[in-house]
């Protein structure tokens, strides 16, 4: 047995060492699988719409507000891939704290994307307790509360056009479509 190579005495110490070794082995296995963006047992990293991960890295959406359209670059993560499976969407986005427009999604989506408690103007995020999608149009310096947000995209339009569409009082009607 492996434990006889370690000069540790007592059953409890040996059990702790075995748990440590197993944890390290599992961590190494997980890291190796993550290097190619696949989890153990997953068949592939395809989008629900059969787009490859490479295509997802350059995937864009149009966000239409009235006669204005802004474009956003999507971030490749499981949350974004699940969001894309909902498109096209028409949403009524309400204002929150004078910094963001948010809307409830028709269903909860994956929470496997990386969480953060910070944001930038133009970020498109998923707030899992909602389940809501939000777009930040102003920064108020406040941190995001638990459980944090998952960034799914970033507006890549000129801020002037973006502000005209989003930095308005009240609710706005938005159509989100994948750019093919």
Protein backbone atom coordinates (compact mmCIF):
# COMPACT_ATOMS: atom_id res chain seq x y z
CA UNK A 1 0.00 0.00 0.00
CA UNK A 2 1.15 3.55 -0.76
CA UNK A 3 0.91 4.67 2.85
CA UNK A 4 3.82 2.50 4.00
CA UNK A 5 6.12 4.82 1.98
CA UNK A 6 5.19 7.74 4.22
CA UNK A 7 6.66 7.78 7.72
CA UNK A 8 3.33 8.63 9.38
CA UNK A 9 2.16 6.67 12.38
CA UNK A 10 -1.42 5.92 13.44
CA UNK A 11 -4.62 5.10 11.56
CA UNK A 12 -5.99 8.66 11.61
CA UNK A 13 -2.81 10.11 10.08
CA UNK A 14 -2.78 7.43 7.40
CA UNK A 15 -6.44 8.12 6.57
CA UNK A 16 -5.77 11.85 6.31
CA UNK A 17 -2.78 11.21 4.04
CA UNK A 18 -4.88 8.93 1.82
CA UNK A 19 -7.59 11.61 1.55
CA UNK A 20 -4.92 14.19 0.69
CA UNK A 21 -3.42 11.97 -2.01
CA UNK A 22 -6.83 11.24 -3.52
CA UNK A 23 -7.71 14.94 -3.49
CA UNK A 24 -4.47 15.82 -5.26
CA UNK A 25 -5.01 13.09 -7.86
CA UNK A 26 -8.58 14.27 -8.54
CA UNK A 27 -7.43 17.89 -8.74
CA UNK A 28 -4.71 16.99 -11.25
CA UNK A 29 -7.20 15.00 -13.34
CA UNK A 30 -9.69 17.90 -13.31
CA UNK A 31 -6.99 20.42 -14.30
CA UNK A 32 -5.88 18.27 -17.21
CA UNK A 33 -9.45 18.01 -18.47
CA UNK A 34 -10.03 21.75 -18.08
CA UNK A 35 -6.99 22.50 -20.24
CA UNK A 36 -9.08 21.65 -23.31
CA UNK A 37 -12.32 23.09 -21.88
CA UNK A 38 -13.94 19.70 -21.37
CA UNK A 39 -15.09 18.10 -18.18
CA UNK A 40 -14.55 14.40 -17.52
CA UNK A 41 -17.24 12.42 -19.28
CA UNK A 42 -18.34 15.24 -21.58
CA UNK A 43 -18.66 14.30 -25.22
CA UNK A 44 -17.62 17.68 -26.58
CA UNK A 45 -17.72 21.41 -25.99
CA UNK A 46 -20.34 22.15 -28.68
CA UNK A 47 -22.96 24.86 -28.29
CA UNK A 48 -26.59 23.78 -28.06
CA UNK A 49 -26.94 25.13 -31.60
CA UNK A 50 -24.03 22.90 -32.75
CA UNK A 51 -21.53 25.74 -33.07
CA UNK A 52 -18.00 24.90 -32.05
CA UNK A 53 -16.22 26.53 -29.14
CA UNK A 54 -13.94 28.29 -31.61
CA UNK A 55 -16.98 29.89 -33.28
CA UNK A 56 -18.36 30.88 -29.87
CA UNK A 57 -15.24 32.94 -29.22
CA UNK A 58 -16.26 35.23 -32.07
CA UNK A 59 -20.04 34.96 -31.70
CA UNK A 60 -21.94 38.22 -31.68
CA UNK A 61 -25.47 39.35 -30.94
CA UNK A 62 -27.52 42.36 -31.96
CA UNK A 63 -29.49 44.14 -29.28
CA UNK A 64 -32.26 46.28 -30.74
CA UNK A 65 -33.90 49.07 -28.76
CA UNK A 66 -36.46 50.92 -30.88
CA UNK A 67 -34.63 52.14 -33.98
CA UNK A 68 -31.19 51.70 -32.38
CA UNK A 69 -29.07 48.55 -32.60
CA UNK A 70 -25.92 47.78 -30.64
CA UNK A 71 -23.66 44.78 -31.14
CA UNK A 72 -22.08 42.67 -28.42
CA UNK A 73 -19.31 40.07 -28.43
CA UNK A 74 -20.20 36.97 -26.41
CA UNK A 75 -17.82 35.29 -23.97
CA UNK A 76 -17.46 31.54 -24.37
CA UNK A 77 -18.64 29.83 -21.20
CA UNK A 78 -21.43 27.35 -20.32
CA UNK A 79 -23.75 30.17 -19.20
CA UNK A 80 -23.38 31.99 -22.52
CA UNK A 81 -23.93 28.81 -24.53
CA UNK A 82 -27.18 28.21 -22.62
CA UNK A 83 -28.23 31.86 -23.12
CA UNK A 84 -27.67 31.51 -26.89
CA UNK A 85 -30.06 28.54 -26.91
CA UNK A 86 -32.85 30.98 -25.89
CA UNK A 87 -32.30 33.36 -28.81
CA UNK A 88 -34.00 35.21 -30.36
CA UNK A 89 -35.55 36.92 -27.34
CA UNK A 90 -37.79 39.93 -26.92
CA UNK A 91 -37.61 41.31 -23.40
CA UNK A 92 -38.93 44.23 -21.40
CA UNK A 93 -35.91 45.49 -19.49
CA UNK A 94 -36.53 47.46 -16.32
CA UNK A 95 -34.17 49.95 -14.75
CA UNK A 96 -32.29 49.06 -11.57
CA UNK A 97 -30.33 51.58 -9.46
CA UNK A 98 -29.86 53.91 -12.45
CA UNK A 99 -26.98 51.67 -13.59
CA UNK A 100 -28.47 48.69 -15.40
CA UNK A 101 -31.39 47.41 -17.40
CA UNK A 102 -32.54 43.91 -16.46
CA UNK A 103 -35.15 41.40 -17.56
CA UNK A 104 -36.33 37.99 -16.41
CA UNK A 105 -35.37 35.14 -18.72
CA UNK A 106 -38.01 32.57 -19.70
CA UNK A 107 -36.05 29.95 -17.74
CA UNK A 108 -32.95 29.63 -15.60
CA UNK A 109 -29.74 28.98 -17.51
CA UNK A 110 -26.43 27.36 -16.59
CA UNK A 111 -24.59 28.82 -13.62
CA UNK A 112 -21.25 27.28 -14.62
CA UNK A 113 -19.64 30.49 -15.89
CA UNK A 114 -17.10 32.32 -13.74
CA UNK A 115 -18.68 34.56 -11.08
CA UNK A 116 -17.51 38.06 -10.28
CA UNK A 117 -18.60 40.92 -8.02
CA UNK A 118 -17.39 43.67 -10.34
CA UNK A 119 -18.61 44.95 -13.70
CA UNK A 120 -17.82 47.43 -16.43
CA UNK A 121 -20.15 49.64 -18.42
CA UNK A 122 -21.34 47.61 -21.39
CA UNK A 123 -21.18 44.23 -19.63
CA UNK A 124 -24.02 41.80 -20.31
CA UNK A 125 -24.44 39.52 -17.32
CA UNK A 126 -26.52 36.72 -15.87
CA UNK A 127 -27.87 37.09 -12.32
CA UNK A 128 -28.85 33.56 -11.33
CA UNK A 129 -31.22 34.29 -8.44
CA UNK A 130 -33.53 36.07 -10.91
CA UNK A 131 -33.02 34.37 -13.33
CA UNK A 132 -32.18 37.69 -14.98
CA UNK A 133 -30.05 39.06 -17.76
CA UNK A 134 -28.77 42.62 -17.28
CA UNK A 135 -26.80 45.22 -19.22
CA UNK A 136 -24.79 47.83 -17.29
CA UNK A 137 -24.97 51.33 -18.75
CA UNK A 138 -23.49 53.29 -15.81
CA UNK A 139 -21.02 52.46 -13.03
CA UNK A 140 -22.03 53.54 -9.55
CA UNK A 141 -19.01 52.11 -7.71
CA UNK A 142 -21.08 49.56 -5.82
CA UNK A 143 -19.98 45.93 -5.52
CA UNK A 144 -22.32 43.17 -6.63
CA UNK A 145 -23.79 41.14 -3.74
CA UNK A 146 -23.62 37.35 -3.36
CA UNK A 147 -23.73 35.14 -5.32
CA UNK A 148 -22.15 37.53 -7.83
CA UNK A 149 -22.77 37.77 -11.56
CA UNK A 150 -21.66 35.79 -14.60
CA UNK A 151 -20.51 37.87 -17.56
CA UNK A 152 -21.85 36.54 -20.85
CA UNK A 153 -20.89 39.35 -23.21
CA UNK A 154 -19.66 42.88 -23.76
CA UNK A 155 -21.18 45.68 -25.86
CA UNK A 156 -18.70 46.54 -28.59
CA UNK A 157 -20.60 49.49 -30.02
CA UNK A 158 -19.59 53.11 -29.58
CA UNK A 159 -20.63 54.24 -26.11
CA UNK A 160 -22.62 57.14 -27.58
CA UNK A 161 -25.06 54.85 -29.41
CA UNK A 162 -25.14 52.50 -26.45
CA UNK A 163 -25.97 55.31 -23.99
CA UNK A 164 -28.71 56.64 -26.26
CA UNK A 165 -30.36 53.22 -26.22
CA UNK A 166 -29.91 52.27 -22.55
CA UNK A 167 -29.31 55.37 -20.43
CA UNK A 168 -32.97 56.35 -20.45
CA UNK A 169 -35.46 56.43 -17.61
CA UNK A 170 -37.90 53.58 -17.17
CA UNK A 171 -38.32 50.34 -19.04
CA UNK A 172 -37.23 49.57 -22.59
CA UNK A 173 -38.25 46.84 -25.03
CA UNK A 174 -35.26 44.92 -26.34
CA UNK A 175 -34.84 42.26 -29.02
CA UNK A 176 -31.73 40.09 -28.78
CA UNK A 177 -30.71 38.13 -31.87
CA UNK A 178 -27.72 36.03 -32.79
CA UNK A 179 -25.70 37.42 -35.72
CA UNK A 180 -25.34 34.54 -38.17
